[in-house]
């Protein structure tokens, strides 16, 4: 029995990029390309009628922007994985996408292997970045606010969370109970004044804590 394919849609205003992504991802054997669109209007009309597991989303679009589209997608379908795929490498854009529910941010110069791995990791619940974005996010932001005071253990767990490792796996690696790791995670959210892991990663990276 063959494994069911993940239904994937792409929104990018460059037809040549769309065609390339469709050809590459369709050839992987695990993705069903549900649709490829050049405008927000086309995409949303389709999305409102169709169940999709993954959306690859450009940031700058002719009739809107990917940050707003991401928010719409996640409000209507929280389980849909949204990944930004863009030429824009501003930290503010990355952080806004994460705040709006994206599972990651990749630059268009990422390799095919990098892209496919990122999609699979995001489907497994991880927050993903292409290598270039990861480098940007680990640099301290020029206007970063004072970082909260963390214990050595909190910093250790923070860095593991940022790489997408699950609570269960962190507990195994550090010889802790899942309850203890979960308490550390809650404390980190509280210290950084954020509501979820994406916000935690954004805040910690802006303060240079993930380098």
N, C-alpha and C. Protein backbone atom coordinates (compact mmCIF):
# COMPACT_ATOMS: atom_id res chain seq x y z
N UNK A 1 0.84 -1.20 0.00
CA UNK A 1 0.00 0.00 0.00
C UNK A 1 0.88 1.25 0.00
N UNK A 2 0.67 2.12 -0.98
CA UNK A 2 1.51 3.30 -1.09
C UNK A 2 1.15 4.33 -0.02
N UNK A 3 2.16 5.10 0.38
CA UNK A 3 1.96 6.14 1.39
C UNK A 3 1.18 7.31 0.78
N UNK A 4 0.16 7.82 1.49
CA UNK A 4 -0.59 8.96 0.94
C UNK A 4 0.32 10.18 0.78
N UNK A 5 0.09 10.94 -0.27
CA UNK A 5 0.92 12.10 -0.54
C UNK A 5 0.39 13.34 0.18
N UNK A 6 1.31 14.23 0.54
CA UNK A 6 0.91 15.50 1.15
C UNK A 6 0.47 16.46 0.05
N UNK A 7 -0.72 17.05 0.25
CA UNK A 7 -1.23 18.02 -0.73
C UNK A 7 -0.56 19.37 -0.47
N UNK A 8 0.07 19.90 -1.51
CA UNK A 8 0.90 21.10 -1.38
C UNK A 8 0.47 22.14 -2.40
N UNK A 9 0.43 23.40 -1.96
CA UNK A 9 0.12 24.51 -2.87
C UNK A 9 1.25 25.53 -2.81
N UNK A 10 1.46 26.24 -3.91
CA UNK A 10 2.54 27.22 -4.00
C UNK A 10 1.95 28.55 -4.47
N UNK A 11 2.36 29.63 -3.78
CA UNK A 11 1.93 30.98 -4.16
C UNK A 11 3.16 31.83 -4.39
N UNK A 12 3.42 32.17 -5.65
CA UNK A 12 4.59 32.96 -6.03
C UNK A 12 4.25 33.70 -7.32
N UNK A 13 4.64 34.96 -7.42
CA UNK A 13 4.23 35.74 -8.58
C UNK A 13 5.17 35.59 -9.79
N UNK A 14 6.15 34.71 -9.71
CA UNK A 14 7.06 34.48 -10.83
C UNK A 14 6.76 33.12 -11.46
N UNK A 15 6.16 33.09 -12.65
CA UNK A 15 5.78 31.82 -13.28
C UNK A 15 6.93 30.84 -13.42
N UNK A 16 8.14 31.35 -13.70
CA UNK A 16 9.27 30.43 -13.87
C UNK A 16 9.64 29.76 -12.56
N UNK A 17 9.49 30.49 -11.46
CA UNK A 17 9.74 29.89 -10.14
C UNK A 17 8.68 28.83 -9.83
N UNK A 18 7.43 29.18 -10.12
CA UNK A 18 6.35 28.22 -9.90
C UNK A 18 6.58 26.93 -10.67
N UNK A 19 6.91 27.07 -11.94
CA UNK A 19 7.11 25.89 -12.79
C UNK A 19 8.25 25.03 -12.26
N UNK A 20 9.33 25.68 -11.85
CA UNK A 20 10.47 24.94 -11.32
C UNK A 20 10.12 24.19 -10.05
N UNK A 21 9.42 24.87 -9.13
CA UNK A 21 9.03 24.23 -7.87
C UNK A 21 8.07 23.07 -8.10
N UNK A 22 7.11 23.27 -8.98
CA UNK A 22 6.15 22.20 -9.28
C UNK A 22 6.87 20.97 -9.82
N UNK A 23 7.77 21.17 -10.76
CA UNK A 23 8.49 20.05 -11.36
C UNK A 23 9.36 19.32 -10.35
N UNK A 24 10.07 20.09 -9.54
CA UNK A 24 10.99 19.49 -8.57
C UNK A 24 10.23 18.72 -7.49
N UNK A 25 9.20 19.35 -6.92
CA UNK A 25 8.50 18.73 -5.80
C UNK A 25 7.62 17.56 -6.26
N UNK A 26 7.03 17.68 -7.43
CA UNK A 26 6.23 16.57 -7.96
C UNK A 26 7.10 15.34 -8.17
N UNK A 27 8.37 15.56 -8.49
CA UNK A 27 9.28 14.45 -8.73
C UNK A 27 9.77 13.76 -7.48
N UNK A 28 9.44 14.31 -6.31
CA UNK A 28 9.89 13.71 -5.05
C UNK A 28 9.08 12.47 -4.67
N UNK A 29 7.87 12.37 -5.21
CA UNK A 29 7.06 11.19 -4.94
C UNK A 29 6.24 11.23 -3.67
N UNK A 30 6.40 12.29 -2.85
CA UNK A 30 5.66 12.36 -1.58
C UNK A 30 4.70 13.54 -1.55
N UNK A 31 4.76 14.40 -2.58
CA UNK A 31 3.90 15.58 -2.61
C UNK A 31 2.95 15.53 -3.80
N UNK A 32 1.71 15.87 -3.54
CA UNK A 32 0.75 16.07 -4.62
C UNK A 32 0.58 17.58 -4.78
N UNK A 33 0.93 18.11 -5.93
CA UNK A 33 0.82 19.55 -6.15
C UNK A 33 -0.65 19.89 -6.40
N UNK A 34 -1.28 20.44 -5.37
CA UNK A 34 -2.72 20.73 -5.45
C UNK A 34 -2.99 21.97 -6.28
N UNK A 35 -2.05 22.91 -6.30
CA UNK A 35 -2.26 24.12 -7.07
C UNK A 35 -1.05 25.03 -7.02
N UNK A 36 -0.87 25.84 -8.06
CA UNK A 36 0.22 26.82 -8.13
C UNK A 36 -0.38 28.14 -8.60
N UNK A 37 -0.12 29.21 -7.84
CA UNK A 37 -0.85 30.47 -8.06
C UNK A 37 0.11 31.66 -8.06
N UNK A 38 -0.26 32.70 -8.82
CA UNK A 38 0.56 33.91 -8.89
C UNK A 38 -0.07 35.09 -8.16
N UNK A 39 -1.32 34.97 -7.72
CA UNK A 39 -1.96 36.07 -6.98
C UNK A 39 -2.64 35.54 -5.72
N UNK A 40 -2.77 36.44 -4.76
CA UNK A 40 -3.44 36.09 -3.50
C UNK A 40 -4.89 35.72 -3.76
N UNK A 41 -5.54 36.49 -4.63
CA UNK A 41 -6.95 36.22 -4.91
C UNK A 41 -7.19 34.83 -5.45
N UNK A 42 -6.37 34.42 -6.40
CA UNK A 42 -6.50 33.07 -6.97
C UNK A 42 -6.30 32.01 -5.89
N UNK A 43 -5.26 32.23 -5.10
CA UNK A 43 -4.93 31.23 -4.08
C UNK A 43 -6.06 31.11 -3.05
N UNK A 44 -6.54 32.23 -2.52
CA UNK A 44 -7.55 32.17 -1.47
C UNK A 44 -8.86 31.58 -1.97
N UNK A 45 -9.21 31.85 -3.21
CA UNK A 45 -10.41 31.25 -3.79
C UNK A 45 -10.29 29.72 -3.79
N UNK A 46 -9.11 29.25 -4.14
CA UNK A 46 -8.84 27.82 -4.15
C UNK A 46 -8.78 27.26 -2.73
N UNK A 47 -8.06 27.96 -1.86
CA UNK A 47 -7.83 27.49 -0.49
C UNK A 47 -9.13 27.35 0.29
N UNK A 48 -10.07 28.24 0.03
CA UNK A 48 -11.35 28.20 0.75
C UNK A 48 -12.18 26.97 0.41
N UNK A 49 -11.82 26.27 -0.67
CA UNK A 49 -12.60 25.11 -1.11
C UNK A 49 -11.82 23.80 -1.00
N UNK A 50 -10.54 23.87 -0.65
CA UNK A 50 -9.69 22.69 -0.76
C UNK A 50 -8.86 22.49 0.50
N UNK A 51 -8.69 21.24 0.89
CA UNK A 51 -7.84 20.90 2.03
C UNK A 51 -6.39 20.76 1.55
N UNK A 52 -5.48 21.48 2.21
CA UNK A 52 -4.06 21.48 1.83
C UNK A 52 -3.22 21.27 3.08
N UNK A 53 -2.20 20.44 2.96
CA UNK A 53 -1.31 20.19 4.11
C UNK A 53 -0.15 21.17 4.19
N UNK A 54 0.33 21.64 3.03
CA UNK A 54 1.52 22.51 3.00
C UNK A 54 1.30 23.65 2.01
N UNK A 55 1.72 24.85 2.41
CA UNK A 55 1.72 26.00 1.50
C UNK A 55 3.12 26.61 1.49
N UNK A 56 3.69 26.75 0.28
CA UNK A 56 4.92 27.52 0.09
C UNK A 56 4.52 28.91 -0.37
N UNK A 57 5.02 29.92 0.33
CA UNK A 57 4.43 31.26 0.21
C UNK A 57 5.50 32.32 0.03
N UNK A 58 5.43 33.07 -1.06
CA UNK A 58 6.32 34.22 -1.25
C UNK A 58 5.83 35.36 -0.35
N UNK A 59 6.69 36.34 -0.12
CA UNK A 59 6.34 37.45 0.77
C UNK A 59 5.71 38.61 0.01
N UNK A 60 6.35 39.01 -1.09
CA UNK A 60 5.85 40.14 -1.87
C UNK A 60 5.04 39.61 -3.05
N UNK A 61 3.76 39.98 -3.10
CA UNK A 61 2.85 39.49 -4.13
C UNK A 61 2.12 40.67 -4.77
N UNK A 62 1.63 40.51 -6.00
CA UNK A 62 1.05 41.65 -6.70
C UNK A 62 -0.20 42.22 -6.05
N UNK A 63 -0.94 41.42 -5.33
CA UNK A 63 -2.18 41.91 -4.72
C UNK A 63 -2.23 41.66 -3.22
N UNK A 64 -1.08 41.64 -2.58
CA UNK A 64 -1.04 41.44 -1.13
C UNK A 64 0.35 41.06 -0.68
N UNK A 65 0.45 40.55 0.55
CA UNK A 65 1.75 40.09 1.04
C UNK A 65 1.59 38.78 1.79
N UNK A 66 2.67 38.01 1.78
CA UNK A 66 2.63 36.68 2.36
C UNK A 66 2.36 36.65 3.85
N UNK A 67 2.74 37.72 4.55
CA UNK A 67 2.53 37.74 6.00
C UNK A 67 1.04 37.74 6.33
N UNK A 68 0.27 38.55 5.58
CA UNK A 68 -1.18 38.58 5.79
C UNK A 68 -1.82 37.27 5.34
N UNK A 69 -1.34 36.74 4.22
CA UNK A 69 -1.90 35.47 3.71
C UNK A 69 -1.66 34.35 4.71
N UNK A 70 -0.47 34.34 5.31
CA UNK A 70 -0.16 33.32 6.31
C UNK A 70 -1.15 33.37 7.47
N UNK A 71 -1.45 34.56 7.91
CA UNK A 71 -2.40 34.71 9.02
C UNK A 71 -3.78 34.18 8.65
N UNK A 72 -4.21 34.44 7.42
CA UNK A 72 -5.50 33.95 6.95
C UNK A 72 -5.50 32.43 6.90
N UNK A 73 -4.43 31.86 6.36
CA UNK A 73 -4.34 30.40 6.25
C UNK A 73 -4.44 29.75 7.62
N UNK A 74 -3.66 30.25 8.57
CA UNK A 74 -3.61 29.62 9.89
C UNK A 74 -4.91 29.83 10.68
N UNK A 75 -5.61 30.94 10.41
CA UNK A 75 -6.88 31.16 11.11
C UNK A 75 -7.95 30.20 10.61
N UNK A 76 -7.90 29.87 9.31
CA UNK A 76 -8.90 28.99 8.73
C UNK A 76 -8.52 27.52 8.84
N UNK A 77 -7.22 27.24 8.85
CA UNK A 77 -6.74 25.85 8.87
C UNK A 77 -5.46 25.77 9.70
N UNK A 78 -5.59 25.73 11.03
CA UNK A 78 -4.41 25.75 11.91
C UNK A 78 -3.41 24.64 11.65
N UNK A 79 -3.86 23.51 11.11
CA UNK A 79 -2.96 22.39 10.89
C UNK A 79 -2.18 22.49 9.59
N UNK A 80 -2.54 23.42 8.72
CA UNK A 80 -1.80 23.59 7.47
C UNK A 80 -0.42 24.18 7.76
N UNK A 81 0.61 23.55 7.24
CA UNK A 81 1.99 24.02 7.43
C UNK A 81 2.28 25.10 6.39
N UNK A 82 2.70 26.27 6.86
CA UNK A 82 3.04 27.37 5.96
C UNK A 82 4.54 27.63 6.05
N UNK A 83 5.20 27.65 4.89
CA UNK A 83 6.63 27.98 4.82
C UNK A 83 6.82 29.16 3.89
N UNK A 84 7.50 30.19 4.37
CA UNK A 84 7.85 31.31 3.50
C UNK A 84 9.01 30.88 2.61
N UNK A 85 8.90 31.23 1.33
CA UNK A 85 9.98 30.97 0.37
C UNK A 85 10.17 32.26 -0.42
N UNK A 86 11.23 32.99 -0.10
CA UNK A 86 11.32 34.37 -0.57
C UNK A 86 12.77 34.76 -0.87
N UNK A 87 12.94 35.87 -1.58
CA UNK A 87 14.26 36.47 -1.76
C UNK A 87 14.56 37.51 -0.68
N UNK A 88 13.56 37.82 0.12
CA UNK A 88 13.70 38.87 1.13
C UNK A 88 14.23 38.27 2.43
N UNK A 89 15.38 38.82 2.88
CA UNK A 89 16.04 38.24 4.04
C UNK A 89 16.04 39.15 5.26
N UNK A 90 15.08 40.08 5.31
CA UNK A 90 15.00 40.96 6.48
C UNK A 90 14.52 40.18 7.70
N UNK A 91 15.19 40.41 8.81
CA UNK A 91 14.81 39.75 10.06
C UNK A 91 13.36 40.05 10.42
N UNK A 92 12.93 41.29 10.17
CA UNK A 92 11.56 41.67 10.54
C UNK A 92 10.53 40.83 9.80
N UNK A 93 10.81 40.52 8.52
CA UNK A 93 9.88 39.70 7.75
C UNK A 93 9.83 38.28 8.30
N UNK A 94 10.99 37.75 8.66
CA UNK A 94 11.04 36.40 9.23
C UNK A 94 10.24 36.34 10.52
N UNK A 95 10.45 37.30 11.38
CA UNK A 95 9.78 37.30 12.68
C UNK A 95 8.27 37.48 12.52
N UNK A 96 7.86 38.33 11.57
CA UNK A 96 6.42 38.54 11.36
C UNK A 96 5.76 37.28 10.85
N UNK A 97 6.44 36.56 9.95
CA UNK A 97 5.89 35.29 9.46
C UNK A 97 5.72 34.29 10.60
N UNK A 98 6.72 34.21 11.47
CA UNK A 98 6.62 33.29 12.60
C UNK A 98 5.49 33.70 13.54
N UNK A 99 5.37 35.00 13.79
CA UNK A 99 4.29 35.49 14.65
C UNK A 99 2.92 35.14 14.07
N UNK A 100 2.82 35.13 12.75
CA UNK A 100 1.54 34.84 12.09
C UNK A 100 1.30 33.36 11.87
N UNK A 101 2.20 32.52 12.39
CA UNK A 101 1.95 31.08 12.40
C UNK A 101 2.75 30.25 11.43
N UNK A 102 3.68 30.86 10.69
CA UNK A 102 4.50 30.08 9.75
C UNK A 102 5.38 29.09 10.50
N UNK A 103 5.67 27.99 9.85
CA UNK A 103 6.54 26.96 10.43
C UNK A 103 7.99 27.13 10.01
N UNK A 104 8.27 28.15 9.21
CA UNK A 104 9.64 28.37 8.82
C UNK A 104 9.78 29.39 7.70
N UNK A 105 11.04 29.68 7.36
CA UNK A 105 11.35 30.71 6.38
C UNK A 105 12.59 30.27 5.63
N UNK A 106 12.48 30.22 4.30
CA UNK A 106 13.60 29.81 3.46
C UNK A 106 13.83 30.84 2.37
N UNK A 107 15.10 31.03 2.01
CA UNK A 107 15.42 31.87 0.86
C UNK A 107 15.37 31.03 -0.40
N UNK A 108 15.12 31.69 -1.53
CA UNK A 108 14.99 30.98 -2.79
C UNK A 108 16.32 30.43 -3.31
N UNK A 109 17.42 30.82 -2.67
CA UNK A 109 18.69 30.24 -3.07
C UNK A 109 18.99 28.94 -2.32
N UNK A 110 18.02 28.46 -1.53
CA UNK A 110 18.19 27.17 -0.85
C UNK A 110 18.27 26.05 -1.88
N UNK A 111 19.01 25.01 -1.54
CA UNK A 111 19.10 23.87 -2.45
C UNK A 111 17.80 23.07 -2.42
N UNK A 112 17.63 22.22 -3.43
CA UNK A 112 16.44 21.37 -3.47
C UNK A 112 16.40 20.46 -2.25
N UNK A 113 17.54 19.89 -1.90
CA UNK A 113 17.61 19.00 -0.73
C UNK A 113 17.23 19.76 0.54
N UNK A 114 17.70 21.00 0.64
CA UNK A 114 17.38 21.83 1.80
C UNK A 114 15.88 22.10 1.88
N UNK A 115 15.28 22.40 0.74
CA UNK A 115 13.85 22.68 0.70
C UNK A 115 13.03 21.45 1.08
N UNK A 116 13.35 20.32 0.50
CA UNK A 116 12.59 19.09 0.78
C UNK A 116 12.74 18.69 2.24
N UNK A 117 13.95 18.78 2.76
CA UNK A 117 14.17 18.47 4.18
C UNK A 117 13.38 19.41 5.07
N UNK A 118 13.36 20.70 4.72
CA UNK A 118 12.63 21.69 5.51
C UNK A 118 11.13 21.38 5.52
N UNK A 119 10.58 21.03 4.37
CA UNK A 119 9.15 20.70 4.31
C UNK A 119 8.84 19.50 5.19
N UNK A 120 9.65 18.46 5.08
CA UNK A 120 9.42 17.26 5.88
C UNK A 120 9.57 17.54 7.38
N UNK A 121 10.57 18.34 7.74
CA UNK A 121 10.76 18.68 9.16
C UNK A 121 9.60 19.52 9.67
N UNK A 122 9.10 20.43 8.85
CA UNK A 122 7.96 21.26 9.26
C UNK A 122 6.71 20.39 9.45
N UNK A 123 6.52 19.42 8.57
CA UNK A 123 5.39 18.51 8.71
C UNK A 123 5.50 17.68 9.99
N UNK A 124 6.73 17.49 10.46
CA UNK A 124 6.95 16.76 11.71
C UNK A 124 6.85 17.66 12.93
N UNK A 125 6.50 18.94 12.71
CA UNK A 125 6.26 19.83 13.83
C UNK A 125 7.41 20.76 14.18
N UNK A 126 8.46 20.78 13.36
CA UNK A 126 9.61 21.61 13.67
C UNK A 126 9.48 23.00 13.04
N UNK A 127 10.20 23.97 13.63
CA UNK A 127 10.37 25.28 13.03
C UNK A 127 11.64 25.22 12.20
N UNK A 128 11.56 25.62 10.92
CA UNK A 128 12.70 25.41 10.02
C UNK A 128 13.15 26.70 9.37
N UNK A 129 14.45 26.78 9.13
CA UNK A 129 15.03 27.90 8.39
C UNK A 129 16.02 27.35 7.37
N UNK A 130 16.16 28.03 6.24
CA UNK A 130 17.27 27.70 5.35
C UNK A 130 18.56 28.15 6.03
N UNK A 131 19.69 27.65 5.55
CA UNK A 131 20.96 27.95 6.21
C UNK A 131 21.22 29.45 6.28
N UNK A 132 20.91 30.16 5.20
CA UNK A 132 21.17 31.61 5.18
C UNK A 132 20.30 32.34 6.21
N UNK A 133 19.05 31.94 6.34
CA UNK A 133 18.16 32.57 7.33
C UNK A 133 18.59 32.22 8.74
N UNK A 134 19.04 31.00 8.95
CA UNK A 134 19.50 30.60 10.29
C UNK A 134 20.67 31.49 10.73
N UNK A 135 21.56 31.80 9.81
CA UNK A 135 22.69 32.67 10.14
C UNK A 135 22.21 34.07 10.52
N UNK A 136 21.24 34.57 9.77
CA UNK A 136 20.69 35.90 10.07
C UNK A 136 20.03 35.92 11.44
N UNK A 137 19.28 34.86 11.75
CA UNK A 137 18.51 34.83 12.99
C UNK A 137 19.39 34.60 14.22
N UNK A 138 20.59 34.11 14.04
CA UNK A 138 21.46 33.89 15.20
C UNK A 138 22.31 35.12 15.52
N UNK A 139 22.26 36.14 14.66
CA UNK A 139 22.96 37.38 14.97
C UNK A 139 22.09 38.25 15.87
N UNK A 140 22.71 38.94 16.83
CA UNK A 140 21.91 39.85 17.67
C UNK A 140 21.31 40.96 16.83
N UNK A 141 20.05 41.30 17.11
CA UNK A 141 19.41 42.42 16.42
C UNK A 141 20.01 43.72 16.94
N UNK A 142 20.19 44.74 16.08
CA UNK A 142 20.79 46.00 16.51
C UNK A 142 20.03 46.66 17.66
N UNK A 143 18.71 46.50 17.67
CA UNK A 143 17.90 47.15 18.70
C UNK A 143 17.33 46.15 19.69
N UNK A 144 18.04 45.04 19.87
CA UNK A 144 17.52 43.98 20.74
C UNK A 144 17.35 44.48 22.17
N UNK A 145 16.23 44.17 22.76
CA UNK A 145 15.99 44.52 24.16
C UNK A 145 16.84 43.63 25.04
N UNK A 146 16.99 43.99 26.29
CA UNK A 146 17.78 43.19 27.21
C UNK A 146 17.20 41.78 27.30
N UNK A 147 18.08 40.82 27.19
CA UNK A 147 17.64 39.42 27.26
C UNK A 147 17.30 39.06 28.69
N UNK A 148 16.29 38.20 28.89
CA UNK A 148 16.00 37.75 30.25
C UNK A 148 17.14 36.91 30.79
N UNK A 149 17.24 36.85 32.08
CA UNK A 149 18.29 36.04 32.72
C UNK A 149 17.85 34.58 32.70
N UNK A 150 18.69 33.74 32.11
CA UNK A 150 18.39 32.31 32.00
C UNK A 150 19.39 31.50 32.79
N UNK A 151 18.93 30.40 33.33
CA UNK A 151 19.86 29.44 33.94
C UNK A 151 20.57 28.68 32.82
N UNK A 152 21.66 28.01 33.17
CA UNK A 152 22.40 27.22 32.18
C UNK A 152 21.50 26.15 31.57
N UNK A 153 20.66 25.54 32.41
CA UNK A 153 19.77 24.50 31.92
C UNK A 153 18.71 25.08 30.98
N UNK A 154 18.16 26.26 31.32
CA UNK A 154 17.17 26.90 30.46
C UNK A 154 17.76 27.24 29.11
N UNK A 155 18.99 27.75 29.10
CA UNK A 155 19.64 28.09 27.84
C UNK A 155 19.88 26.84 27.01
N UNK A 156 20.28 25.76 27.67
CA UNK A 156 20.50 24.49 26.98
C UNK A 156 19.21 23.99 26.33
N UNK A 157 18.13 24.04 27.08
CA UNK A 157 16.84 23.58 26.55
C UNK A 157 16.33 24.52 25.48
N UNK A 158 16.53 25.82 25.65
CA UNK A 158 16.13 26.80 24.64
C UNK A 158 16.77 26.48 23.29
N UNK A 159 18.07 26.20 23.30
CA UNK A 159 18.78 25.93 22.04
C UNK A 159 18.28 24.62 21.40
N UNK A 160 17.94 23.64 22.23
CA UNK A 160 17.42 22.38 21.70
C UNK A 160 16.02 22.59 21.10
N UNK A 161 15.20 23.37 21.80
CA UNK A 161 13.86 23.67 21.28
C UNK A 161 13.98 24.36 19.92
N UNK A 162 14.94 25.28 19.81
CA UNK A 162 15.09 26.06 18.58
C UNK A 162 15.50 25.21 17.39
N UNK A 163 16.10 24.06 17.64
CA UNK A 163 16.48 23.17 16.54
C UNK A 163 15.35 22.23 16.15
N UNK A 164 14.20 22.35 16.84
CA UNK A 164 13.04 21.55 16.48
C UNK A 164 12.92 20.23 17.20
N UNK A 165 13.76 20.01 18.21
CA UNK A 165 13.72 18.74 18.94
C UNK A 165 12.50 18.71 19.87
N UNK A 166 11.83 17.57 19.93
CA UNK A 166 10.62 17.45 20.73
C UNK A 166 10.92 17.38 22.22
N UNK A 167 9.90 17.65 23.03
CA UNK A 167 10.04 17.57 24.49
C UNK A 167 10.50 16.18 24.91
N UNK A 168 9.91 15.16 24.32
CA UNK A 168 10.28 13.77 24.66
C UNK A 168 11.76 13.51 24.40
N UNK A 169 12.23 13.97 23.22
CA UNK A 169 13.63 13.73 22.85
C UNK A 169 14.57 14.54 23.73
N UNK A 170 14.20 15.78 24.06
CA UNK A 170 15.04 16.60 24.95
C UNK A 170 15.17 15.91 26.30
N UNK A 171 14.06 15.38 26.81
CA UNK A 171 14.08 14.68 28.09
C UNK A 171 15.04 13.50 28.04
N UNK A 172 15.01 12.75 26.94
CA UNK A 172 15.90 11.60 26.80
C UNK A 172 17.36 12.05 26.73
N UNK A 173 17.63 13.10 25.98
CA UNK A 173 19.01 13.57 25.79
C UNK A 173 19.62 14.10 27.09
N UNK A 174 18.79 14.76 27.90
CA UNK A 174 19.30 15.40 29.12
C UNK A 174 19.02 14.58 30.38
N UNK A 175 18.45 13.38 30.18
CA UNK A 175 18.13 12.50 31.32
C UNK A 175 17.22 13.20 32.32
N UNK A 176 16.18 13.85 31.79
CA UNK A 176 15.19 14.53 32.60
C UNK A 176 13.83 13.92 32.31
N UNK A 177 12.87 14.20 33.18
CA UNK A 177 11.50 13.77 32.90
C UNK A 177 10.87 14.74 31.91
N UNK A 178 9.86 14.26 31.18
CA UNK A 178 9.16 15.13 30.25
C UNK A 178 8.50 16.29 31.02
N UNK A 179 8.04 16.00 32.23
CA UNK A 179 7.40 17.02 33.06
C UNK A 179 8.39 18.16 33.35
N UNK A 180 9.64 17.81 33.66
CA UNK A 180 10.66 18.83 33.96
C UNK A 180 10.96 19.68 32.73
N UNK A 181 11.10 19.03 31.58
CA UNK A 181 11.38 19.77 30.35
C UNK A 181 10.21 20.69 30.02
N UNK A 182 9.00 20.19 30.18
CA UNK A 182 7.83 21.00 29.90
C UNK A 182 7.76 22.22 30.82
N UNK A 183 8.15 22.05 32.08
CA UNK A 183 8.18 23.18 33.01
C UNK A 183 9.20 24.23 32.57
N UNK A 184 10.36 23.75 32.11
CA UNK A 184 11.37 24.69 31.60
C UNK A 184 10.84 25.44 30.39
N UNK A 185 10.14 24.71 29.51
CA UNK A 185 9.59 25.35 28.31
C UNK A 185 8.59 26.44 28.70
N UNK A 186 7.72 26.15 29.66
CA UNK A 186 6.74 27.14 30.12
C UNK A 186 7.43 28.35 30.74
N UNK A 187 8.49 28.09 31.52
CA UNK A 187 9.23 29.19 32.13
C UNK A 187 9.88 30.08 31.08
N UNK A 188 10.39 29.44 30.01
CA UNK A 188 11.01 30.21 28.93
C UNK A 188 9.99 31.10 28.23
N UNK A 189 8.81 30.53 27.96
CA UNK A 189 7.76 31.33 27.33
C UNK A 189 7.40 32.53 28.20
N UNK A 190 7.36 32.31 29.49
CA UNK A 190 7.00 33.38 30.43
C UNK A 190 8.10 34.44 30.47
N UNK A 191 9.35 33.99 30.53
CA UNK A 191 10.47 34.94 30.62
C UNK A 191 10.58 35.82 29.38
N UNK A 192 10.28 35.23 28.21
CA UNK A 192 10.39 36.00 26.98
C UNK A 192 9.07 36.70 26.61
N UNK A 193 8.04 36.46 27.43
CA UNK A 193 6.74 37.09 27.23
C UNK A 193 6.16 36.77 25.86
N UNK A 194 6.19 35.49 25.51
CA UNK A 194 5.64 35.03 24.23
C UNK A 194 4.66 33.90 24.51
N UNK A 195 3.87 33.55 23.47
CA UNK A 195 2.80 32.57 23.66
C UNK A 195 3.08 31.21 23.05
N UNK A 196 4.10 31.12 22.19
CA UNK A 196 4.34 29.84 21.53
C UNK A 196 5.81 29.70 21.18
N UNK A 197 6.17 28.52 20.65
CA UNK A 197 7.57 28.23 20.35
C UNK A 197 8.11 29.13 19.25
N UNK A 198 7.28 29.42 18.24
CA UNK A 198 7.74 30.31 17.17
C UNK A 198 8.12 31.68 17.73
N UNK A 199 7.28 32.21 18.62
CA UNK A 199 7.59 33.48 19.25
C UNK A 199 8.84 33.41 20.11
N UNK A 200 9.01 32.28 20.78
CA UNK A 200 10.19 32.07 21.62
C UNK A 200 11.46 32.10 20.78
N UNK A 201 11.44 31.40 19.65
CA UNK A 201 12.61 31.37 18.77
C UNK A 201 12.90 32.76 18.21
N UNK A 202 11.85 33.47 17.82
CA UNK A 202 12.03 34.84 17.30
C UNK A 202 12.68 35.73 18.34
N UNK A 203 12.14 35.70 19.56
CA UNK A 203 12.66 36.57 20.61
C UNK A 203 14.09 36.20 20.99
N UNK A 204 14.35 34.90 21.12
CA UNK A 204 15.69 34.46 21.52
C UNK A 204 16.71 34.77 20.43
N UNK A 205 16.33 34.60 19.17
CA UNK A 205 17.27 34.87 18.08
C UNK A 205 17.56 36.36 17.96
N UNK A 206 16.54 37.19 18.21
CA UNK A 206 16.74 38.64 18.12
C UNK A 206 17.72 39.13 19.18
N UNK A 207 17.90 38.34 20.23
CA UNK A 207 18.80 38.71 21.32
C UNK A 207 20.12 37.93 21.25
N UNK A 208 20.32 37.23 20.15
CA UNK A 208 21.59 36.55 19.94
C UNK A 208 21.85 35.37 20.84
N UNK A 209 20.79 34.74 21.33
CA UNK A 209 20.95 33.64 22.28
C UNK A 209 21.05 32.28 21.64
N UNK A 210 20.87 32.21 20.33
CA UNK A 210 20.85 30.90 19.67
C UNK A 210 22.12 30.62 18.89
N UNK A 211 23.11 31.51 18.99
CA UNK A 211 24.35 31.33 18.25
C UNK A 211 25.22 30.23 18.84
